[in-house]
């Protein structure tokens, strides 16, 4: 089953039922707040992006679910 959740955004906490499932399943949650690219001067946090990528590549952490709020920007960049 799933071993790791990589969360890429500041967002609301997981709902209680999800938190319970995470704990019961022994899933590790890695918070990597990468931010978003916004013209003209705001860029994603490269260090956080590298941390998320490194976590996703580690065999002992796989399978990994990577998510943001809408799956449009942050997840697309990482995956």
PDB file of N, CA and C in Angstrom:
ATOM      1  N   UNK A   1       0.814  -1.187   0.000  1.00  0.00           N
ATOM      2  CA  UNK A   1       0.000   0.000   0.000  1.00  0.00           C
ATOM      3  C   UNK A   1       0.860   1.255   0.000  1.00  0.00           C
ATOM      4  N   UNK A   2       0.176   2.342   0.042  1.00  0.00           N
ATOM      5  CA  UNK A   2       0.807   3.655   0.034  1.00  0.00           C
ATOM      6  C   UNK A   2       1.733   3.820   1.240  1.00  0.00           C
ATOM      7  N   UNK A   3       2.924   4.346   0.990  1.00  0.00           N
ATOM      8  CA  UNK A   3       3.872   4.566   2.084  1.00  0.00           C
ATOM      9  C   UNK A   3       4.067   6.039   2.428  1.00  0.00           C
ATOM     10  N   UNK A   4       3.936   6.917   1.413  1.00  0.00           N
ATOM     11  CA  UNK A   4       4.266   8.322   1.644  1.00  0.00           C
ATOM     12  C   UNK A   4       3.300   9.240   0.919  1.00  0.00           C
ATOM     13  N   UNK A   5       2.896  10.302   1.597  1.00  0.00           N
ATOM     14  CA  UNK A   5       2.157  11.415   1.007  1.00  0.00           C
ATOM     15  C   UNK A   5       3.092  12.610   0.978  1.00  0.00           C
ATOM     16  N   UNK A   6       3.289  13.206  -0.182  1.00  0.00           N
ATOM     17  CA  UNK A   6       4.075  14.434  -0.287  1.00  0.00           C
ATOM     18  C   UNK A   6       3.081  15.558  -0.556  1.00  0.00           C
ATOM     19  N   UNK A   7       2.967  16.458   0.393  1.00  0.00           N
ATOM     20  CA  UNK A   7       2.009  17.564   0.338  1.00  0.00           C
ATOM     21  C   UNK A   7       2.769  18.831  -0.038  1.00  0.00           C
ATOM     22  N   UNK A   8       2.377  19.444  -1.143  1.00  0.00           N
ATOM     23  CA  UNK A   8       3.156  20.551  -1.704  1.00  0.00           C
ATOM     24  C   UNK A   8       2.630  21.948  -1.389  1.00  0.00           C
ATOM     25  N   UNK A   9       1.570  22.064  -0.647  1.00  0.00           N
ATOM     26  CA  UNK A   9       0.989  23.390  -0.440  1.00  0.00           C
ATOM     27  C   UNK A   9       0.604  23.611   1.015  1.00  0.00           C
ATOM     28  N   UNK A  10       0.494  24.893   1.368  1.00  0.00           N
ATOM     29  CA  UNK A  10      -0.141  25.253   2.633  1.00  0.00           C
ATOM     30  C   UNK A  10      -1.625  25.129   2.402  1.00  0.00           C
ATOM     31  N   UNK A  11      -2.255  24.333   3.159  1.00  0.00           N
ATOM     32  CA  UNK A  11      -3.682  24.162   2.984  1.00  0.00           C
ATOM     33  C   UNK A  11      -4.293  23.748   4.294  1.00  0.00           C
ATOM     34  N   UNK A  12      -5.559  23.520   4.264  1.00  0.00           N
ATOM     35  CA  UNK A  12      -6.218  23.087   5.495  1.00  0.00           C
ATOM     36  C   UNK A  12      -5.696  21.711   5.911  1.00  0.00           C
ATOM     37  N   UNK A  13      -5.838  21.415   7.183  1.00  0.00           N
ATOM     38  CA  UNK A  13      -5.441  20.098   7.671  1.00  0.00           C
ATOM     39  C   UNK A  13      -6.303  19.043   6.991  1.00  0.00           C
ATOM     40  N   UNK A  14      -5.796  17.832   6.961  1.00  0.00           N
ATOM     41  CA  UNK A  14      -6.613  16.748   6.433  1.00  0.00           C
ATOM     42  C   UNK A  14      -7.836  16.572   7.332  1.00  0.00           C
ATOM     43  N   UNK A  15      -8.945  16.153   6.767  1.00  0.00           N
ATOM     44  CA  UNK A  15     -10.121  15.867   7.600  1.00  0.00           C
ATOM     45  C   UNK A  15      -9.798  14.755   8.607  1.00  0.00           C
ATOM     46  N   UNK A  16     -10.478  14.719   9.738  1.00  0.00           N
ATOM     47  CA  UNK A  16     -10.178  13.713  10.770  1.00  0.00           C
ATOM     48  C   UNK A  16     -10.172  12.273  10.255  1.00  0.00           C
ATOM     49  N   UNK A  17     -11.093  11.922   9.377  1.00  0.00           N
ATOM     50  CA  UNK A  17     -11.133  10.552   8.856  1.00  0.00           C
ATOM     51  C   UNK A  17      -9.873  10.233   8.062  1.00  0.00           C
ATOM     52  N   UNK A  18      -9.358  11.205   7.328  1.00  0.00           N
ATOM     53  CA  UNK A  18      -8.129  10.998   6.559  1.00  0.00           C
ATOM     54  C   UNK A  18      -6.946  10.886   7.513  1.00  0.00           C
ATOM     55  N   UNK A  19      -6.883  11.749   8.520  1.00  0.00           N
ATOM     56  CA  UNK A  19      -5.810  11.673   9.521  1.00  0.00           C
ATOM     57  C   UNK A  19      -5.802  10.299  10.193  1.00  0.00           C
ATOM     58  N   UNK A  20      -6.980   9.779  10.508  1.00  0.00           N
ATOM     59  CA  UNK A  20      -7.072   8.460  11.131  1.00  0.00           C
ATOM     60  C   UNK A  20      -6.553   7.380  10.184  1.00  0.00           C
ATOM     61  N   UNK A  21      -6.919   7.472   8.908  1.00  0.00           N
ATOM     62  CA  UNK A  21      -6.452   6.497   7.930  1.00  0.00           C
ATOM     63  C   UNK A  21      -4.935   6.564   7.778  1.00  0.00           C
ATOM     64  N   UNK A  22      -4.383   7.763   7.716  1.00  0.00           N
ATOM     65  CA  UNK A  22      -2.929   7.943   7.601  1.00  0.00           C
ATOM     66  C   UNK A  22      -2.223   7.262   8.771  1.00  0.00           C
ATOM     67  N   UNK A  23      -2.716   7.516   9.985  1.00  0.00           N
ATOM     68  CA  UNK A  23      -2.107   6.929  11.179  1.00  0.00           C
ATOM     69  C   UNK A  23      -2.243   5.404  11.177  1.00  0.00           C
ATOM     70  N   UNK A  24      -3.421   4.903  10.858  1.00  0.00           N
ATOM     71  CA  UNK A  24      -3.662   3.461  10.875  1.00  0.00           C
ATOM     72  C   UNK A  24      -2.842   2.732   9.810  1.00  0.00           C
ATOM     73  N   UNK A  25      -2.662   3.376   8.663  1.00  0.00           N
ATOM     74  CA  UNK A  25      -1.928   2.755   7.559  1.00  0.00           C
ATOM     75  C   UNK A  25      -0.421   2.933   7.692  1.00  0.00           C
ATOM     76  N   UNK A  26       0.015   3.781   8.626  1.00  0.00           N
ATOM     77  CA  UNK A  26       1.446   4.021   8.796  1.00  0.00           C
ATOM     78  C   UNK A  26       2.066   4.796   7.647  1.00  0.00           C
ATOM     79  N   UNK A  27       1.265   5.660   7.029  1.00  0.00           N
ATOM     80  CA  UNK A  27       1.738   6.466   5.898  1.00  0.00           C
ATOM     81  C   UNK A  27       2.507   7.676   6.430  1.00  0.00           C
ATOM     82  N   UNK A  28       3.691   7.916   5.889  1.00  0.00           N
ATOM     83  CA  UNK A  28       4.468   9.102   6.253  1.00  0.00           C
ATOM     84  C   UNK A  28       3.953  10.290   5.447  1.00  0.00           C
ATOM     85  N   UNK A  29       3.839  11.440   6.095  1.00  0.00           N
ATOM     86  CA  UNK A  29       3.436  12.668   5.409  1.00  0.00           C
ATOM     87  C   UNK A  29       4.623  13.613   5.399  1.00  0.00           C
ATOM     88  N   UNK A  30       5.005  14.038   4.191  1.00  0.00           N
ATOM     89  CA  UNK A  30       6.111  14.969   4.039  1.00  0.00           C
ATOM     90  C   UNK A  30       5.539  16.276   3.512  1.00  0.00           C
ATOM     91  N   UNK A  31       5.675  17.332   4.303  1.00  0.00           N
ATOM     92  CA  UNK A  31       5.191  18.653   3.901  1.00  0.00           C
ATOM     93  C   UNK A  31       6.320  19.422   3.236  1.00  0.00           C
ATOM     94  N   UNK A  32       6.124  19.761   1.977  1.00  0.00           N
ATOM     95  CA  UNK A  32       7.101  20.525   1.207  1.00  0.00           C
ATOM     96  C   UNK A  32       6.364  21.695   0.574  1.00  0.00           C
ATOM     97  N   UNK A  33       6.340  22.802   1.246  1.00  0.00           N
ATOM     98  CA  UNK A  33       5.619  23.972   0.749  1.00  0.00           C
ATOM     99  C   UNK A  33       6.452  24.663  -0.323  1.00  0.00           C
ATOM    100  N   UNK A  34       6.177  24.349  -1.584  1.00  0.00           N
ATOM    101  CA  UNK A  34       6.994  24.864  -2.678  1.00  0.00           C
ATOM    102  C   UNK A  34       6.539  26.220  -3.187  1.00  0.00           C
ATOM    103  N   UNK A  35       5.314  26.629  -2.898  1.00  0.00           N
ATOM    104  CA  UNK A  35       4.806  27.889  -3.432  1.00  0.00           C
ATOM    105  C   UNK A  35       4.492  27.748  -4.912  1.00  0.00           C
ATOM    106  N   UNK A  36       4.188  28.845  -5.546  1.00  0.00           N
ATOM    107  CA  UNK A  36       3.877  28.811  -6.978  1.00  0.00           C
ATOM    108  C   UNK A  36       4.676  29.870  -7.707  1.00  0.00           C
ATOM    109  N   UNK A  37       4.898  29.647  -8.983  1.00  0.00           N
ATOM    110  CA  UNK A  37       5.532  30.667  -9.819  1.00  0.00           C
ATOM    111  C   UNK A  37       4.506  31.731 -10.138  1.00  0.00           C
ATOM    112  N   UNK A  38       4.874  32.969  -9.915  1.00  0.00           N
ATOM    113  CA  UNK A  38       3.993  34.085 -10.254  1.00  0.00           C
ATOM    114  C   UNK A  38       4.837  35.169 -10.891  1.00  0.00           C
ATOM    115  N   UNK A  39       4.411  35.591 -12.040  1.00  0.00           N
ATOM    116  CA  UNK A  39       5.116  36.660 -12.748  1.00  0.00           C
ATOM    117  C   UNK A  39       4.991  37.955 -11.967  1.00  0.00           C
ATOM    118  N   UNK A  40       5.959  38.817 -11.934  1.00  0.00           N
ATOM    119  CA  UNK A  40       7.251  38.672 -12.581  1.00  0.00           C
ATOM    120  C   UNK A  40       8.352  38.180 -11.662  1.00  0.00           C
ATOM    121  N   UNK A  41       8.172  38.252 -10.338  1.00  0.00           N
ATOM    122  CA  UNK A  41       9.333  38.040  -9.472  1.00  0.00           C
ATOM    123  C   UNK A  41       9.210  36.932  -8.436  1.00  0.00           C
ATOM    124  N   UNK A  42       8.143  36.169  -8.431  1.00  0.00           N
ATOM    125  CA  UNK A  42       7.983  35.136  -7.412  1.00  0.00           C
ATOM    126  C   UNK A  42       8.183  33.766  -8.055  1.00  0.00           C
ATOM    127  N   UNK A  43       9.072  32.992  -7.489  1.00  0.00           N
ATOM    128  CA  UNK A  43       9.363  31.657  -8.034  1.00  0.00           C
ATOM    129  C   UNK A  43       9.154  30.607  -6.951  1.00  0.00           C
ATOM    130  N   UNK A  44       8.976  29.374  -7.387  1.00  0.00           N
ATOM    131  CA  UNK A  44       8.852  28.264  -6.450  1.00  0.00           C
ATOM    132  C   UNK A  44      10.118  28.147  -5.615  1.00  0.00           C
ATOM    133  N   UNK A  45       9.974  27.611  -4.423  1.00  0.00           N
ATOM    134  CA  UNK A  45      11.097  27.374  -3.530  1.00  0.00           C
ATOM    135  C   UNK A  45      11.860  26.155  -4.049  1.00  0.00           C
ATOM    136  N   UNK A  46      13.008  26.384  -4.646  1.00  0.00           N
ATOM    137  CA  UNK A  46      13.795  25.304  -5.231  1.00  0.00           C
ATOM    138  C   UNK A  46      14.248  24.278  -4.216  1.00  0.00           C
ATOM    139  N   UNK A  47      14.561  24.711  -3.009  1.00  0.00           N
ATOM    140  CA  UNK A  47      14.985  23.777  -1.968  1.00  0.00           C
ATOM    141  C   UNK A  47      13.861  22.837  -1.563  1.00  0.00           C
ATOM    142  N   UNK A  48      12.659  23.377  -1.402  1.00  0.00           N
ATOM    143  CA  UNK A  48      11.512  22.543  -1.049  1.00  0.00           C
ATOM    144  C   UNK A  48      11.167  21.592  -2.190  1.00  0.00           C
ATOM    145  N   UNK A  49      11.287  22.075  -3.419  1.00  0.00           N
ATOM    146  CA  UNK A  49      11.020  21.233  -4.578  1.00  0.00           C
ATOM    147  C   UNK A  49      12.026  20.077  -4.637  1.00  0.00           C
ATOM    148  N   UNK A  50      13.292  20.353  -4.379  1.00  0.00           N
ATOM    149  CA  UNK A  50      14.323  19.308  -4.365  1.00  0.00           C
ATOM    150  C   UNK A  50      14.060  18.302  -3.244  1.00  0.00           C
ATOM    151  N   UNK A  51      13.617  18.788  -2.084  1.00  0.00           N
ATOM    152  CA  UNK A  51      13.294  17.905  -0.961  1.00  0.00           C
ATOM    153  C   UNK A  51      12.139  16.962  -1.327  1.00  0.00           C
ATOM    154  N   UNK A  52      11.117  17.506  -1.972  1.00  0.00           N
ATOM    155  CA  UNK A  52       9.972  16.686  -2.377  1.00  0.00           C
ATOM    156  C   UNK A  52      10.386  15.647  -3.404  1.00  0.00           C
ATOM    157  N   UNK A  53      11.196  16.038  -4.361  1.00  0.00           N
ATOM    158  CA  UNK A  53      11.652  15.111  -5.392  1.00  0.00           C
ATOM    159  C   UNK A  53      12.518  14.005  -4.787  1.00  0.00           C
ATOM    160  N   UNK A  54      13.402  14.368  -3.877  1.00  0.00           N
ATOM    161  CA  UNK A  54      14.256  13.371  -3.221  1.00  0.00           C
ATOM    162  C   UNK A  54      13.413  12.374  -2.432  1.00  0.00           C
ATOM    163  N   UNK A  55      12.399  12.857  -1.742  1.00  0.00           N
ATOM    164  CA  UNK A  55      11.527  11.969  -0.971  1.00  0.00           C
ATOM    165  C   UNK A  55      10.791  11.003  -1.886  1.00  0.00           C
ATOM    166  N   UNK A  56      10.312  11.490  -3.016  1.00  0.00           N
ATOM    167  CA  UNK A  56       9.551  10.657  -3.946  1.00  0.00           C
ATOM    168  C   UNK A  56      10.422   9.602  -4.617  1.00  0.00           C
ATOM    169  N   UNK A  57      11.725   9.855  -4.733  1.00  0.00           N
ATOM    170  CA  UNK A  57      12.626   8.930  -5.422  1.00  0.00           C
ATOM    171  C   UNK A  57      13.185   7.836  -4.521  1.00  0.00           C
ATOM    172  N   UNK A  58      13.069   7.980  -3.218  1.00  0.00           N
ATOM    173  CA  UNK A  58      13.639   6.985  -2.308  1.00  0.00           C
ATOM    174  C   UNK A  58      12.813   5.700  -2.341  1.00  0.00           C
ATOM    175  N   UNK A  59      13.409   4.584  -2.697  1.00  0.00           N
ATOM    176  CA  UNK A  59      12.657   3.332  -2.818  1.00  0.00           C
ATOM    177  C   UNK A  59      11.889   2.946  -1.556  1.00  0.00           C
ATOM    178  N   UNK A  60      12.465   3.208  -0.381  1.00  0.00           N
ATOM    179  CA  UNK A  60      11.778   2.829   0.858  1.00  0.00           C
ATOM    180  C   UNK A  60      10.546   3.692   1.140  1.00  0.00           C
ATOM    181  N   UNK A  61      10.410   4.801   0.439  1.00  0.00           N
ATOM    182  CA  UNK A  61       9.239   5.666   0.599  1.00  0.00           C
ATOM    183  C   UNK A  61       8.143   5.361  -0.416  1.00  0.00           C
ATOM    184  N   UNK A  62       8.429   4.535  -1.397  1.00  0.00           N
ATOM    185  CA  UNK A  62       7.477   4.274  -2.479  1.00  0.00           C
ATOM    186  C   UNK A  62       6.527   3.152  -2.097  1.00  0.00           C
ATOM    187  N   UNK A  63       5.309   3.165  -2.588  1.00  0.00           N
ATOM    188  CA  UNK A  63       4.716   4.141  -3.499  1.00  0.00           C
ATOM    189  C   UNK A  63       4.399   5.460  -2.795  1.00  0.00           C
ATOM    190  N   UNK A  64       4.436   6.524  -3.599  1.00  0.00           N
ATOM    191  CA  UNK A  64       4.267   7.891  -3.112  1.00  0.00           C
ATOM    192  C   UNK A  64       3.088   8.539  -3.816  1.00  0.00           C
ATOM    193  N   UNK A  65       2.293   9.276  -3.052  1.00  0.00           N
ATOM    194  CA  UNK A  65       1.238  10.107  -3.616  1.00  0.00           C
ATOM    195  C   UNK A  65       1.659  11.556  -3.430  1.00  0.00           C
ATOM    196  N   UNK A  66       1.774  12.295  -4.521  1.00  0.00           N
ATOM    197  CA  UNK A  66       2.158  13.707  -4.487  1.00  0.00           C
ATOM    198  C   UNK A  66       0.902  14.523  -4.770  1.00  0.00           C
ATOM    199  N   UNK A  67       0.637  15.523  -3.923  1.00  0.00           N
ATOM    200  CA  UNK A  67      -0.551  16.331  -4.181  1.00  0.00           C
ATOM    201  C   UNK A  67      -0.374  17.781  -3.763  1.00  0.00           C
ATOM    202  N   UNK A  68      -1.170  18.615  -4.407  1.00  0.00           N
ATOM    203  CA  UNK A  68      -1.353  20.006  -4.011  1.00  0.00           C
ATOM    204  C   UNK A  68      -2.864  20.193  -3.885  1.00  0.00           C
ATOM    205  N   UNK A  69      -3.353  21.402  -4.020  1.00  0.00           N
ATOM    206  CA  UNK A  69      -4.795  21.592  -3.864  1.00  0.00           C
ATOM    207  C   UNK A  69      -5.591  21.226  -5.109  1.00  0.00           C
ATOM    208  N   UNK A  70      -5.081  21.557  -6.281  1.00  0.00           N
ATOM    209  CA  UNK A  70      -5.839  21.311  -7.504  1.00  0.00           C
ATOM    210  C   UNK A  70      -5.111  20.432  -8.520  1.00  0.00           C
ATOM    211  N   UNK A  71      -3.849  20.119  -8.280  1.00  0.00           N
ATOM    212  CA  UNK A  71      -3.094  19.282  -9.201  1.00  0.00           C
ATOM    213  C   UNK A  71      -2.739  19.971 -10.493  1.00  0.00           C
ATOM    214  N   UNK A  72      -2.691  21.305 -10.471  1.00  0.00           N
ATOM    215  CA  UNK A  72      -2.465  22.050 -11.700  1.00  0.00           C
ATOM    216  C   UNK A  72      -1.047  22.581 -11.827  1.00  0.00           C
ATOM    217  N   UNK A  73      -0.471  23.065 -10.777  1.00  0.00           N
ATOM    218  CA  UNK A  73       0.834  23.716 -10.869  1.00  0.00           C
ATOM    219  C   UNK A  73       1.925  22.952 -10.150  1.00  0.00           C
ATOM    220  N   UNK A  74       1.845  22.927  -8.827  1.00  0.00           N
ATOM    221  CA  UNK A  74       2.929  22.363  -8.042  1.00  0.00           C
ATOM    222  C   UNK A  74       3.161  20.887  -8.365  1.00  0.00           C
ATOM    223  N   UNK A  75       2.102  20.094  -8.372  1.00  0.00           N
ATOM    224  CA  UNK A  75       2.246  18.674  -8.666  1.00  0.00           C
ATOM    225  C   UNK A  75       2.759  18.460 -10.079  1.00  0.00           C
ATOM    226  N   UNK A  76       2.283  19.232 -11.017  1.00  0.00           N
ATOM    227  CA  UNK A  76       2.729  19.119 -12.404  1.00  0.00           C
ATOM    228  C   UNK A  76       4.209  19.396 -12.559  1.00  0.00           C
ATOM    229  N   UNK A  77       4.728  20.324 -11.794  1.00  0.00           N
ATOM    230  CA  UNK A  77       6.151  20.641 -11.857  1.00  0.00           C
ATOM    231  C   UNK A  77       6.982  19.490 -11.301  1.00  0.00           C
ATOM    232  N   UNK A  78       6.549  18.923 -10.198  1.00  0.00           N
ATOM    233  CA  UNK A  78       7.308  17.855  -9.560  1.00  0.00           C
ATOM    234  C   UNK A  78       7.216  16.549 -10.333  1.00  0.00           C
ATOM    235  N   UNK A  79       6.034  16.216 -10.781  1.00  0.00           N
ATOM    236  CA  UNK A  79       5.837  14.921 -11.439  1.00  0.00           C
ATOM    237  C   UNK A  79       6.224  15.013 -12.882  1.00  0.00           C
TER     238      UNK A  79
END
